[in-house]
């Protein structure tokens, strides 16, 4: 699979896990330990953004970042998969326009099913 996933999460262990899992599936992975501006996300040219909702140490959370992506005239079709331990993740995903969501802790096979679905 010749795809690229941009992962944004403030948990370094989870970043390592995401990268390991995705690389095993031959998916190029770029990770960020903090939130990044929309321009940097676009510059990476990802096929999917895997985005934590709560990003400590950044002025915007994952919902804000997702909302920016989906409001972008030229990049609104970029798939976003929210990942969080939040209790009402479905409502958060709906309000920011995320394409899908997965709750922490997650099953690796379930995560990969969602990732592959969004990459096709």
PDB file of N, CA and C in Angstrom:
ATOM      1  N   UNK A   1       0.863  -1.183   0.000  1.00  0.00           N
ATOM      2  CA  UNK A   1       0.000   0.000   0.000  1.00  0.00           C
ATOM      3  C   UNK A   1       0.903   1.237   0.000  1.00  0.00           C
ATOM      4  N   UNK A   2       0.773   2.055  -0.982  1.00  0.00           N
ATOM      5  CA  UNK A   2       1.620   3.241  -1.118  1.00  0.00           C
ATOM      6  C   UNK A   2       0.873   4.475  -0.610  1.00  0.00           C
ATOM      7  N   UNK A   3       0.652   4.527   0.689  1.00  0.00           N
ATOM      8  CA  UNK A   3      -0.107   5.618   1.306  1.00  0.00           C
ATOM      9  C   UNK A   3       0.700   6.242   2.420  1.00  0.00           C
ATOM     10  N   UNK A   4       0.268   7.456   2.801  1.00  0.00           N
ATOM     11  CA  UNK A   4       0.956   8.198   3.853  1.00  0.00           C
ATOM     12  C   UNK A   4      -0.060   8.654   4.895  1.00  0.00           C
ATOM     13  N   UNK A   5       0.234   8.348   6.158  1.00  0.00           N
ATOM     14  CA  UNK A   5      -0.621   8.745   7.273  1.00  0.00           C
ATOM     15  C   UNK A   5       0.161   9.698   8.169  1.00  0.00           C
ATOM     16  N   UNK A   6      -0.459  10.812   8.477  1.00  0.00           N
ATOM     17  CA  UNK A   6       0.096  11.792   9.409  1.00  0.00           C
ATOM     18  C   UNK A   6      -0.563  11.541  10.757  1.00  0.00           C
ATOM     19  N   UNK A   7       0.233  11.277  11.783  1.00  0.00           N
ATOM     20  CA  UNK A   7      -0.285  10.978  13.120  1.00  0.00           C
ATOM     21  C   UNK A   7       0.108  12.099  14.070  1.00  0.00           C
ATOM     22  N   UNK A   8      -0.888  12.656  14.756  1.00  0.00           N
ATOM     23  CA  UNK A   8      -0.650  13.712  15.744  1.00  0.00           C
ATOM     24  C   UNK A   8      -1.197  13.233  17.081  1.00  0.00           C
ATOM     25  N   UNK A   9      -0.297  13.051  18.039  1.00  0.00           N
ATOM     26  CA  UNK A   9      -0.689  12.601  19.377  1.00  0.00           C
ATOM     27  C   UNK A   9       0.386  13.062  20.351  1.00  0.00           C
ATOM     28  N   UNK A  10      -0.002  13.479  21.547  1.00  0.00           N
ATOM     29  CA  UNK A  10       0.986  13.948  22.514  1.00  0.00           C
ATOM     30  C   UNK A  10       1.599  12.810  23.338  1.00  0.00           C
ATOM     31  N   UNK A  11       1.164  11.586  23.108  1.00  0.00           N
ATOM     32  CA  UNK A  11       1.682  10.424  23.818  1.00  0.00           C
ATOM     33  C   UNK A  11       2.747   9.752  22.943  1.00  0.00           C
ATOM     34  N   UNK A  12       4.013   9.870  23.332  1.00  0.00           N
ATOM     35  CA  UNK A  12       5.120   9.348  22.519  1.00  0.00           C
ATOM     36  C   UNK A  12       5.044   7.832  22.352  1.00  0.00           C
ATOM     37  N   UNK A  13       4.576   7.128  23.374  1.00  0.00           N
ATOM     38  CA  UNK A  13       4.451   5.673  23.261  1.00  0.00           C
ATOM     39  C   UNK A  13       3.395   5.297  22.223  1.00  0.00           C
ATOM     40  N   UNK A  14       2.289   6.039  22.203  1.00  0.00           N
ATOM     41  CA  UNK A  14       1.263   5.775  21.192  1.00  0.00           C
ATOM     42  C   UNK A  14       1.760   6.123  19.792  1.00  0.00           C
ATOM     43  N   UNK A  15       2.529   7.194  19.669  1.00  0.00           N
ATOM     44  CA  UNK A  15       3.094   7.536  18.366  1.00  0.00           C
ATOM     45  C   UNK A  15       3.955   6.384  17.853  1.00  0.00           C
ATOM     46  N   UNK A  16       4.781   5.836  18.733  1.00  0.00           N
ATOM     47  CA  UNK A  16       5.625   4.703  18.366  1.00  0.00           C
ATOM     48  C   UNK A  16       4.759   3.518  17.948  1.00  0.00           C
ATOM     49  N   UNK A  17       3.696   3.248  18.706  1.00  0.00           N
ATOM     50  CA  UNK A  17       2.799   2.133  18.389  1.00  0.00           C
ATOM     51  C   UNK A  17       2.123   2.337  17.032  1.00  0.00           C
ATOM     52  N   UNK A  18       1.568   3.530  16.805  1.00  0.00           N
ATOM     53  CA  UNK A  18       0.931   3.816  15.518  1.00  0.00           C
ATOM     54  C   UNK A  18       1.925   3.628  14.373  1.00  0.00           C
ATOM     55  N   UNK A  19       3.118   4.175  14.537  1.00  0.00           N
ATOM     56  CA  UNK A  19       4.127   4.082  13.484  1.00  0.00           C
ATOM     57  C   UNK A  19       4.493   2.623  13.211  1.00  0.00           C
ATOM     58  N   UNK A  20       4.685   1.854  14.254  1.00  0.00           N
ATOM     59  CA  UNK A  20       5.035   0.442  14.109  1.00  0.00           C
ATOM     60  C   UNK A  20       3.937  -0.325  13.385  1.00  0.00           C
ATOM     61  N   UNK A  21       2.708  -0.133  13.814  1.00  0.00           N
ATOM     62  CA  UNK A  21       1.568  -0.837  13.209  1.00  0.00           C
ATOM     63  C   UNK A  21       1.414  -0.458  11.739  1.00  0.00           C
ATOM     64  N   UNK A  22       1.441   0.830  11.455  1.00  0.00           N
ATOM     65  CA  UNK A  22       1.244   1.294  10.085  1.00  0.00           C
ATOM     66  C   UNK A  22       2.395   0.872   9.177  1.00  0.00           C
ATOM     67  N   UNK A  23       3.619   0.945   9.669  1.00  0.00           N
ATOM     68  CA  UNK A  23       4.768   0.546   8.860  1.00  0.00           C
ATOM     69  C   UNK A  23       4.739  -0.947   8.523  1.00  0.00           C
ATOM     70  N   UNK A  24       4.215  -1.767   9.429  1.00  0.00           N
ATOM     71  CA  UNK A  24       4.078  -3.194   9.146  1.00  0.00           C
ATOM     72  C   UNK A  24       3.127  -3.439   7.974  1.00  0.00           C
ATOM     73  N   UNK A  25       2.218  -2.513   7.758  1.00  0.00           N
ATOM     74  CA  UNK A  25       1.271  -2.608   6.644  1.00  0.00           C
ATOM     75  C   UNK A  25       1.774  -1.850   5.413  1.00  0.00           C
ATOM     76  N   UNK A  26       3.044  -1.481   5.424  1.00  0.00           N
ATOM     77  CA  UNK A  26       3.669  -0.750   4.312  1.00  0.00           C
ATOM     78  C   UNK A  26       3.035   0.625   4.090  1.00  0.00           C
ATOM     79  N   UNK A  27       2.603   1.249   5.174  1.00  0.00           N
ATOM     80  CA  UNK A  27       2.026   2.590   5.117  1.00  0.00           C
ATOM     81  C   UNK A  27       3.059   3.560   5.674  1.00  0.00           C
ATOM     82  N   UNK A  28       3.440   4.538   4.856  1.00  0.00           N
ATOM     83  CA  UNK A  28       4.393   5.557   5.311  1.00  0.00           C
ATOM     84  C   UNK A  28       3.742   6.362   6.434  1.00  0.00           C
ATOM     85  N   UNK A  29       4.500   6.626   7.480  1.00  0.00           N
ATOM     86  CA  UNK A  29       3.960   7.310   8.647  1.00  0.00           C
ATOM     87  C   UNK A  29       4.840   8.498   9.019  1.00  0.00           C
ATOM     88  N   UNK A  30       4.183   9.637   9.241  1.00  0.00           N
ATOM     89  CA  UNK A  30       4.852  10.827   9.747  1.00  0.00           C
ATOM     90  C   UNK A  30       4.177  11.149  11.073  1.00  0.00           C
ATOM     91  N   UNK A  31       4.968  11.304  12.134  1.00  0.00           N
ATOM     92  CA  UNK A  31       4.385  11.535  13.453  1.00  0.00           C
ATOM     93  C   UNK A  31       4.774  12.903  14.002  1.00  0.00           C
ATOM     94  N   UNK A  32       3.845  13.469  14.748  1.00  0.00           N
ATOM     95  CA  UNK A  32       4.067  14.739  15.445  1.00  0.00           C
ATOM     96  C   UNK A  32       3.633  14.571  16.897  1.00  0.00           C
ATOM     97  N   UNK A  33       4.492  14.993  17.810  1.00  0.00           N
ATOM     98  CA  UNK A  33       4.223  14.890  19.238  1.00  0.00           C
ATOM     99  C   UNK A  33       3.374  16.046  19.746  1.00  0.00           C
ATOM    100  N   UNK A  34       3.122  17.020  18.884  1.00  0.00           N
ATOM    101  CA  UNK A  34       2.327  18.191  19.240  1.00  0.00           C
ATOM    102  C   UNK A  34       1.484  18.556  18.034  1.00  0.00           C
ATOM    103  N   UNK A  35       0.500  19.397  18.261  1.00  0.00           N
ATOM    104  CA  UNK A  35      -0.302  19.874  17.153  1.00  0.00           C
ATOM    105  C   UNK A  35       0.545  20.702  16.207  1.00  0.00           C
ATOM    106  N   UNK A  36       0.105  20.784  14.970  1.00  0.00           N
ATOM    107  CA  UNK A  36       0.809  21.586  13.975  1.00  0.00           C
ATOM    108  C   UNK A  36      -0.208  22.399  13.187  1.00  0.00           C
ATOM    109  N   UNK A  37       0.233  23.516  12.624  1.00  0.00           N
ATOM    110  CA  UNK A  37      -0.686  24.348  11.844  1.00  0.00           C
ATOM    111  C   UNK A  37      -1.167  23.631  10.584  1.00  0.00           C
ATOM    112  N   UNK A  38      -2.312  24.043  10.090  1.00  0.00           N
ATOM    113  CA  UNK A  38      -2.903  23.458   8.897  1.00  0.00           C
ATOM    114  C   UNK A  38      -1.927  23.460   7.723  1.00  0.00           C
ATOM    115  N   UNK A  39      -1.179  24.537   7.547  1.00  0.00           N
ATOM    116  CA  UNK A  39      -0.229  24.631   6.429  1.00  0.00           C
ATOM    117  C   UNK A  39       0.803  23.498   6.475  1.00  0.00           C
ATOM    118  N   UNK A  40       1.245  23.129   7.671  1.00  0.00           N
ATOM    119  CA  UNK A  40       2.219  22.038   7.798  1.00  0.00           C
ATOM    120  C   UNK A  40       1.579  20.689   7.507  1.00  0.00           C
ATOM    121  N   UNK A  41       0.327  20.528   7.924  1.00  0.00           N
ATOM    122  CA  UNK A  41      -0.391  19.287   7.630  1.00  0.00           C
ATOM    123  C   UNK A  41      -0.505  19.127   6.115  1.00  0.00           C
ATOM    124  N   UNK A  42      -0.924  20.168   5.438  1.00  0.00           N
ATOM    125  CA  UNK A  42      -1.093  20.139   3.987  1.00  0.00           C
ATOM    126  C   UNK A  42       0.242  19.905   3.289  1.00  0.00           C
ATOM    127  N   UNK A  43       1.305  20.526   3.791  1.00  0.00           N
ATOM    128  CA  UNK A  43       2.630  20.373   3.191  1.00  0.00           C
ATOM    129  C   UNK A  43       3.114  18.919   3.241  1.00  0.00           C
ATOM    130  N   UNK A  44       2.692  18.169   4.239  1.00  0.00           N
ATOM    131  CA  UNK A  44       3.069  16.758   4.348  1.00  0.00           C
ATOM    132  C   UNK A  44       2.377  15.898   3.285  1.00  0.00           C
ATOM    133  N   UNK A  45       1.290  16.406   2.711  1.00  0.00           N
ATOM    134  CA  UNK A  45       0.504  15.704   1.697  1.00  0.00           C
ATOM    135  C   UNK A  45       0.089  14.298   2.141  1.00  0.00           C
ATOM    136  N   UNK A  46      -0.541  14.186   3.311  1.00  0.00           N
ATOM    137  CA  UNK A  46      -0.956  12.863   3.766  1.00  0.00           C
ATOM    138  C   UNK A  46      -2.215  12.386   3.042  1.00  0.00           C
ATOM    139  N   UNK A  47      -2.420  11.081   3.085  1.00  0.00           N
ATOM    140  CA  UNK A  47      -3.648  10.484   2.566  1.00  0.00           C
ATOM    141  C   UNK A  47      -4.684  10.336   3.678  1.00  0.00           C
ATOM    142  N   UNK A  48      -4.217  10.466   4.921  1.00  0.00           N
ATOM    143  CA  UNK A  48      -5.076  10.338   6.095  1.00  0.00           C
ATOM    144  C   UNK A  48      -4.396  11.041   7.263  1.00  0.00           C
ATOM    145  N   UNK A  49      -5.199  11.694   8.119  1.00  0.00           N
ATOM    146  CA  UNK A  49      -4.693  12.275   9.360  1.00  0.00           C
ATOM    147  C   UNK A  49      -5.315  11.489  10.506  1.00  0.00           C
ATOM    148  N   UNK A  50      -4.455  10.908  11.338  1.00  0.00           N
ATOM    149  CA  UNK A  50      -4.881  10.198  12.538  1.00  0.00           C
ATOM    150  C   UNK A  50      -4.604  11.157  13.686  1.00  0.00           C
ATOM    151  N   UNK A  51      -5.640  11.607  14.364  1.00  0.00           N
ATOM    152  CA  UNK A  51      -5.543  12.789  15.217  1.00  0.00           C
ATOM    153  C   UNK A  51      -6.114  12.556  16.612  1.00  0.00           C
ATOM    154  N   UNK A  52      -5.282  12.773  17.619  1.00  0.00           N
ATOM    155  CA  UNK A  52      -5.732  12.712  19.011  1.00  0.00           C
ATOM    156  C   UNK A  52      -6.591  13.945  19.297  1.00  0.00           C
ATOM    157  N   UNK A  53      -7.595  13.797  20.121  1.00  0.00           N
ATOM    158  CA  UNK A  53      -8.466  14.932  20.467  1.00  0.00           C
ATOM    159  C   UNK A  53      -7.767  15.876  21.439  1.00  0.00           C
ATOM    160  N   UNK A  54      -7.165  15.341  22.471  1.00  0.00           N
ATOM    161  CA  UNK A  54      -6.513  16.170  23.498  1.00  0.00           C
ATOM    162  C   UNK A  54      -5.015  16.201  23.274  1.00  0.00           C
ATOM    163  N   UNK A  55      -4.532  17.350  22.816  1.00  0.00           N
ATOM    164  CA  UNK A  55      -3.111  17.522  22.545  1.00  0.00           C
ATOM    165  C   UNK A  55      -2.566  18.519  23.565  1.00  0.00           C
ATOM    166  N   UNK A  56      -1.845  18.002  24.537  1.00  0.00           N
ATOM    167  CA  UNK A  56      -1.302  18.841  25.601  1.00  0.00           C
ATOM    168  C   UNK A  56      -0.138  19.663  25.054  1.00  0.00           C
ATOM    169  N   UNK A  57      -0.085  20.933  25.427  1.00  0.00           N
ATOM    170  CA  UNK A  57       1.019  21.785  25.026  1.00  0.00           C
ATOM    171  C   UNK A  57       0.838  22.466  23.691  1.00  0.00           C
ATOM    172  N   UNK A  58      -0.359  22.420  23.142  1.00  0.00           N
ATOM    173  CA  UNK A  58      -0.637  23.092  21.872  1.00  0.00           C
ATOM    174  C   UNK A  58      -1.905  23.901  22.064  1.00  0.00           C
ATOM    175  N   UNK A  59      -1.961  25.074  21.435  1.00  0.00           N
ATOM    176  CA  UNK A  59      -3.100  25.967  21.691  1.00  0.00           C
ATOM    177  C   UNK A  59      -4.422  25.452  21.130  1.00  0.00           C
ATOM    178  N   UNK A  60      -4.366  24.501  20.205  1.00  0.00           N
ATOM    179  CA  UNK A  60      -5.587  23.930  19.622  1.00  0.00           C
ATOM    180  C   UNK A  60      -5.652  22.453  19.956  1.00  0.00           C
ATOM    181  N   UNK A  61      -6.876  21.961  20.096  1.00  0.00           N
ATOM    182  CA  UNK A  61      -7.025  20.523  20.305  1.00  0.00           C
ATOM    183  C   UNK A  61      -7.321  19.847  18.966  1.00  0.00           C
ATOM    184  N   UNK A  62      -7.469  18.543  18.991  1.00  0.00           N
ATOM    185  CA  UNK A  62      -7.711  17.794  17.769  1.00  0.00           C
ATOM    186  C   UNK A  62      -9.007  18.173  17.076  1.00  0.00           C
ATOM    187  N   UNK A  63     -10.016  18.527  17.844  1.00  0.00           N
ATOM    188  CA  UNK A  63     -11.291  18.959  17.262  1.00  0.00           C
ATOM    189  C   UNK A  63     -11.078  20.244  16.467  1.00  0.00           C
ATOM    190  N   UNK A  64     -10.314  21.190  17.023  1.00  0.00           N
ATOM    191  CA  UNK A  64     -10.007  22.443  16.319  1.00  0.00           C
ATOM    192  C   UNK A  64      -9.244  22.167  15.020  1.00  0.00           C
ATOM    193  N   UNK A  65      -8.259  21.293  15.095  1.00  0.00           N
ATOM    194  CA  UNK A  65      -7.440  20.977  13.923  1.00  0.00           C
ATOM    195  C   UNK A  65      -8.295  20.304  12.850  1.00  0.00           C
ATOM    196  N   UNK A  66      -9.120  19.359  13.264  1.00  0.00           N
ATOM    197  CA  UNK A  66     -10.008  18.686  12.316  1.00  0.00           C
ATOM    198  C   UNK A  66     -10.965  19.678  11.667  1.00  0.00           C
ATOM    199  N   UNK A  67     -11.523  20.569  12.457  1.00  0.00           N
ATOM    200  CA  UNK A  67     -12.442  21.588  11.930  1.00  0.00           C
ATOM    201  C   UNK A  67     -11.740  22.440  10.869  1.00  0.00           C
ATOM    202  N   UNK A  68     -10.481  22.807  11.134  1.00  0.00           N
ATOM    203  CA  UNK A  68      -9.710  23.589  10.157  1.00  0.00           C
ATOM    204  C   UNK A  68      -9.515  22.819   8.858  1.00  0.00           C
ATOM    205  N   UNK A  69      -9.182  21.546   8.970  1.00  0.00           N
ATOM    206  CA  UNK A  69      -8.976  20.725   7.766  1.00  0.00           C
ATOM    207  C   UNK A  69     -10.265  20.672   6.961  1.00  0.00           C
ATOM    208  N   UNK A  70     -11.365  20.386   7.632  1.00  0.00           N
ATOM    209  CA  UNK A  70     -12.641  20.210   6.939  1.00  0.00           C
ATOM    210  C   UNK A  70     -13.196  21.530   6.400  1.00  0.00           C
ATOM    211  N   UNK A  71     -12.767  22.658   6.961  1.00  0.00           N
ATOM    212  CA  UNK A  71     -13.210  23.971   6.474  1.00  0.00           C
ATOM    213  C   UNK A  71     -12.330  24.485   5.337  1.00  0.00           C
ATOM    214  N   UNK A  72     -11.198  23.825   5.115  1.00  0.00           N
ATOM    215  CA  UNK A  72     -10.273  24.236   4.064  1.00  0.00           C
ATOM    216  C   UNK A  72     -10.879  23.928   2.698  1.00  0.00           C
ATOM    217  N   UNK A  73     -10.951  24.952   1.880  1.00  0.00           N
ATOM    218  CA  UNK A  73     -11.601  24.806   0.567  1.00  0.00           C
ATOM    219  C   UNK A  73     -10.967  23.702  -0.284  1.00  0.00           C
ATOM    220  N   UNK A  74      -9.658  23.614  -0.282  1.00  0.00           N
ATOM    221  CA  UNK A  74      -8.966  22.659  -1.146  1.00  0.00           C
ATOM    222  C   UNK A  74      -8.628  21.331  -0.482  1.00  0.00           C
ATOM    223  N   UNK A  75      -8.843  21.221   0.825  1.00  0.00           N
ATOM    224  CA  UNK A  75      -8.414  20.011   1.523  1.00  0.00           C
ATOM    225  C   UNK A  75      -9.499  19.384   2.394  1.00  0.00           C
ATOM    226  N   UNK A  76     -10.726  19.797   2.212  1.00  0.00           N
ATOM    227  CA  UNK A  76     -11.818  19.287   3.048  1.00  0.00           C
ATOM    228  C   UNK A  76     -12.061  17.795   2.853  1.00  0.00           C
ATOM    229  N   UNK A  77     -11.597  17.241   1.750  1.00  0.00           N
ATOM    230  CA  UNK A  77     -11.808  15.808   1.500  1.00  0.00           C
ATOM    231  C   UNK A  77     -10.718  14.936   2.142  1.00  0.00           C
ATOM    232  N   UNK A  78      -9.706  15.559   2.753  1.00  0.00           N
ATOM    233  CA  UNK A  78      -8.657  14.801   3.444  1.00  0.00           C
ATOM    234  C   UNK A  78      -9.289  14.049   4.617  1.00  0.00           C
ATOM    235  N   UNK A  79      -9.217  12.705   4.613  1.00  0.00           N
ATOM    236  CA  UNK A  79      -9.838  11.947   5.698  1.00  0.00           C
ATOM    237  C   UNK A  79      -9.153  12.194   7.040  1.00  0.00           C
ATOM    238  N   UNK A  80      -9.969  12.306   8.086  1.00  0.00           N
ATOM    239  CA  UNK A  80      -9.475  12.488   9.446  1.00  0.00           C
ATOM    240  C   UNK A  80     -10.095  11.408  10.326  1.00  0.00           C
ATOM    241  N   UNK A  81      -9.233  10.684  11.041  1.00  0.00           N
ATOM    242  CA  UNK A  81      -9.663   9.676  12.003  1.00  0.00           C
ATOM    243  C   UNK A  81      -9.290  10.186  13.386  1.00  0.00           C
ATOM    244  N   UNK A  82     -10.300  10.516  14.198  1.00  0.00           N
ATOM    245  CA  UNK A  82     -10.055  10.977  15.567  1.00  0.00           C
ATOM    246  C   UNK A  82      -9.800   9.776  16.474  1.00  0.00           C
ATOM    247  N   UNK A  83      -8.861   9.954  17.399  1.00  0.00           N
ATOM    248  CA  UNK A  83      -8.543   8.924  18.383  1.00  0.00           C
ATOM    249  C   UNK A  83      -8.553   9.588  19.745  1.00  0.00           C
ATOM    250  N   UNK A  84      -9.318   9.013  20.684  1.00  0.00           N
ATOM    251  CA  UNK A  84      -9.391   9.657  21.996  1.00  0.00           C
ATOM    252  C   UNK A  84      -9.988   8.726  23.039  1.00  0.00           C
ATOM    253  N   UNK A  85      -9.747   9.083  24.269  1.00  0.00           N
ATOM    254  CA  UNK A  85     -10.375   8.411  25.394  1.00  0.00           C
ATOM    255  C   UNK A  85     -11.601   9.169  25.879  1.00  0.00           C
ATOM    256  N   UNK A  86     -11.990  10.236  25.172  1.00  0.00           N
ATOM    257  CA  UNK A  86     -13.156  11.039  25.548  1.00  0.00           C
ATOM    258  C   UNK A  86     -14.422  10.183  25.554  1.00  0.00           C
ATOM    259  N   UNK A  87     -15.327  10.477  26.447  1.00  0.00           N
ATOM    260  CA  UNK A  87     -16.535   9.663  26.576  1.00  0.00           C
ATOM    261  C   UNK A  87     -17.525   9.866  25.434  1.00  0.00           C
ATOM    262  N   UNK A  88     -17.640  11.060  24.905  1.00  0.00           N
ATOM    263  CA  UNK A  88     -18.603  11.311  23.833  1.00  0.00           C
ATOM    264  C   UNK A  88     -17.874  11.582  22.517  1.00  0.00           C
ATOM    265  N   UNK A  89     -17.045  10.652  22.137  1.00  0.00           N
ATOM    266  CA  UNK A  89     -16.223  10.802  20.947  1.00  0.00           C
ATOM    267  C   UNK A  89     -17.064  10.898  19.676  1.00  0.00           C
ATOM    268  N   UNK A  90     -18.167  10.188  19.640  1.00  0.00           N
ATOM    269  CA  UNK A  90     -19.048  10.238  18.468  1.00  0.00           C
ATOM    270  C   UNK A  90     -19.536  11.662  18.225  1.00  0.00           C
ATOM    271  N   UNK A  91     -19.964  12.342  19.272  1.00  0.00           N
ATOM    272  CA  UNK A  91     -20.453  13.725  19.139  1.00  0.00           C
ATOM    273  C   UNK A  91     -19.308  14.666  18.747  1.00  0.00           C
ATOM    274  N   UNK A  92     -18.140  14.479  19.321  1.00  0.00           N
ATOM    275  CA  UNK A  92     -16.984  15.311  18.964  1.00  0.00           C
ATOM    276  C   UNK A  92     -16.630  15.135  17.491  1.00  0.00           C
ATOM    277  N   UNK A  93     -16.614  13.896  17.042  1.00  0.00           N
ATOM    278  CA  UNK A  93     -16.278  13.619  15.640  1.00  0.00           C
ATOM    279  C   UNK A  93     -17.306  14.249  14.706  1.00  0.00           C
ATOM    280  N   UNK A  94     -18.553  14.152  15.072  1.00  0.00           N
ATOM    281  CA  UNK A  94     -19.631  14.725  14.248  1.00  0.00           C
ATOM    282  C   UNK A  94     -19.515  16.241  14.186  1.00  0.00           C
ATOM    283  N   UNK A  95     -19.222  16.894  15.304  1.00  0.00           N
ATOM    284  CA  UNK A  95     -19.194  18.361  15.325  1.00  0.00           C
ATOM    285  C   UNK A  95     -18.021  18.939  14.544  1.00  0.00           C
ATOM    286  N   UNK A  96     -16.926  18.206  14.417  1.00  0.00           N
ATOM    287  CA  UNK A  96     -15.771  18.752  13.689  1.00  0.00           C
ATOM    288  C   UNK A  96     -15.663  18.199  12.271  1.00  0.00           C
ATOM    289  N   UNK A  97     -16.533  17.272  11.910  1.00  0.00           N
ATOM    290  CA  UNK A  97     -16.544  16.737  10.557  1.00  0.00           C
ATOM    291  C   UNK A  97     -15.583  15.589  10.313  1.00  0.00           C
ATOM    292  N   UNK A  98     -15.082  14.972  11.385  1.00  0.00           N
ATOM    293  CA  UNK A  98     -14.164  13.838  11.218  1.00  0.00           C
ATOM    294  C   UNK A  98     -14.845  12.726  10.423  1.00  0.00           C
ATOM    295  N   UNK A  99     -14.057  11.998   9.669  1.00  0.00           N
ATOM    296  CA  UNK A  99     -14.603  10.923   8.845  1.00  0.00           C
ATOM    297  C   UNK A  99     -14.915   9.684   9.667  1.00  0.00           C
ATOM    298  N   UNK A 100     -14.205   9.508  10.759  1.00  0.00           N
ATOM    299  CA  UNK A 100     -14.452   8.374  11.632  1.00  0.00           C
ATOM    300  C   UNK A 100     -13.730   8.631  12.948  1.00  0.00           C
ATOM    301  N   UNK A 101     -13.913   7.728  13.894  1.00  0.00           N
ATOM    302  CA  UNK A 101     -13.280   7.875  15.201  1.00  0.00           C
ATOM    303  C   UNK A 101     -13.040   6.504  15.797  1.00  0.00           C
ATOM    304  N   UNK A 102     -12.108   6.465  16.747  1.00  0.00           N
ATOM    305  CA  UNK A 102     -11.828   5.235  17.469  1.00  0.00           C
ATOM    306  C   UNK A 102     -11.464   5.611  18.904  1.00  0.00           C
ATOM    307  N   UNK A 103     -12.011   4.872  19.835  1.00  0.00           N
ATOM    308  CA  UNK A 103     -11.801   5.160  21.253  1.00  0.00           C
ATOM    309  C   UNK A 103     -10.548   4.457  21.770  1.00  0.00           C
ATOM    310  N   UNK A 104      -9.838   5.156  22.655  1.00  0.00           N
ATOM    311  CA  UNK A 104      -8.711   4.555  23.380  1.00  0.00           C
ATOM    312  C   UNK A 104      -9.269   3.906  24.633  1.00  0.00           C
ATOM    313  N   UNK A 105      -8.779   2.785  25.050  1.00  0.00           N
ATOM    314  CA  UNK A 105      -7.833   1.916  24.356  1.00  0.00           C
ATOM    315  C   UNK A 105      -8.520   1.237  23.162  1.00  0.00           C
ATOM    316  N   UNK A 106      -7.735   0.851  22.175  1.00  0.00           N
ATOM    317  CA  UNK A 106      -8.309   0.299  20.960  1.00  0.00           C
ATOM    318  C   UNK A 106      -7.672  -1.044  20.618  1.00  0.00           C
ATOM    319  N   UNK A 107      -8.388  -1.805  19.823  1.00  0.00           N
ATOM    320  CA  UNK A 107      -7.913  -3.061  19.285  1.00  0.00           C
ATOM    321  C   UNK A 107      -7.150  -2.742  18.000  1.00  0.00           C
ATOM    322  N   UNK A 108      -5.971  -3.290  17.838  1.00  0.00           N
ATOM    323  CA  UNK A 108      -5.125  -2.974  16.687  1.00  0.00           C
ATOM    324  C   UNK A 108      -5.802  -3.366  15.372  1.00  0.00           C
ATOM    325  N   UNK A 109      -6.437  -4.521  15.327  1.00  0.00           N
ATOM    326  CA  UNK A 109      -7.119  -4.940  14.093  1.00  0.00           C
ATOM    327  C   UNK A 109      -8.256  -3.987  13.747  1.00  0.00           C
ATOM    328  N   UNK A 110      -8.979  -3.544  14.768  1.00  0.00           N
ATOM    329  CA  UNK A 110     -10.079  -2.592  14.559  1.00  0.00           C
ATOM    330  C   UNK A 110      -9.542  -1.264  14.020  1.00  0.00           C
ATOM    331  N   UNK A 111      -8.438  -0.796  14.590  1.00  0.00           N
ATOM    332  CA  UNK A 111      -7.794   0.426  14.111  1.00  0.00           C
ATOM    333  C   UNK A 111      -7.396   0.279  12.645  1.00  0.00           C
ATOM    334  N   UNK A 112      -6.751  -0.826  12.299  1.00  0.00           N
ATOM    335  CA  UNK A 112      -6.286  -1.020  10.928  1.00  0.00           C
ATOM    336  C   UNK A 112      -7.449  -1.142   9.954  1.00  0.00           C
ATOM    337  N   UNK A 113      -8.541  -1.754  10.379  1.00  0.00           N
ATOM    338  CA  UNK A 113      -9.731  -1.813   9.511  1.00  0.00           C
ATOM    339  C   UNK A 113     -10.206  -0.412   9.165  1.00  0.00           C
ATOM    340  N   UNK A 114     -10.257   0.452  10.164  1.00  0.00           N
ATOM    341  CA  UNK A 114     -10.710   1.845   9.932  1.00  0.00           C
ATOM    342  C   UNK A 114      -9.723   2.603   9.058  1.00  0.00           C
ATOM    343  N   UNK A 115      -8.431   2.441   9.331  1.00  0.00           N
ATOM    344  CA  UNK A 115      -7.400   3.125   8.547  1.00  0.00           C
ATOM    345  C   UNK A 115      -7.485   2.693   7.086  1.00  0.00           C
ATOM    346  N   UNK A 116      -7.535   1.398   6.846  1.00  0.00           N
ATOM    347  CA  UNK A 116      -7.585   0.887   5.471  1.00  0.00           C
ATOM    348  C   UNK A 116      -8.851   1.347   4.742  1.00  0.00           C
ATOM    349  N   UNK A 117      -9.962   1.374   5.463  1.00  0.00           N
ATOM    350  CA  UNK A 117     -11.213   1.837   4.859  1.00  0.00           C
ATOM    351  C   UNK A 117     -11.082   3.291   4.420  1.00  0.00           C
ATOM    352  N   UNK A 118     -10.471   4.126   5.244  1.00  0.00           N
ATOM    353  CA  UNK A 118     -10.328   5.548   4.923  1.00  0.00           C
ATOM    354  C   UNK A 118      -9.267   5.804   3.857  1.00  0.00           C
ATOM    355  N   UNK A 119      -8.349   4.880   3.684  1.00  0.00           N
ATOM    356  CA  UNK A 119      -7.301   5.041   2.676  1.00  0.00           C
ATOM    357  C   UNK A 119      -7.723   4.559   1.290  1.00  0.00           C
ATOM    358  N   UNK A 120      -8.857   3.884   1.199  1.00  0.00           N
ATOM    359  CA  UNK A 120      -9.299   3.388  -0.122  1.00  0.00           C
ATOM    360  C   UNK A 120     -10.292   4.301  -0.767  1.00  0.00           C
TER     361      UNK A 120
END
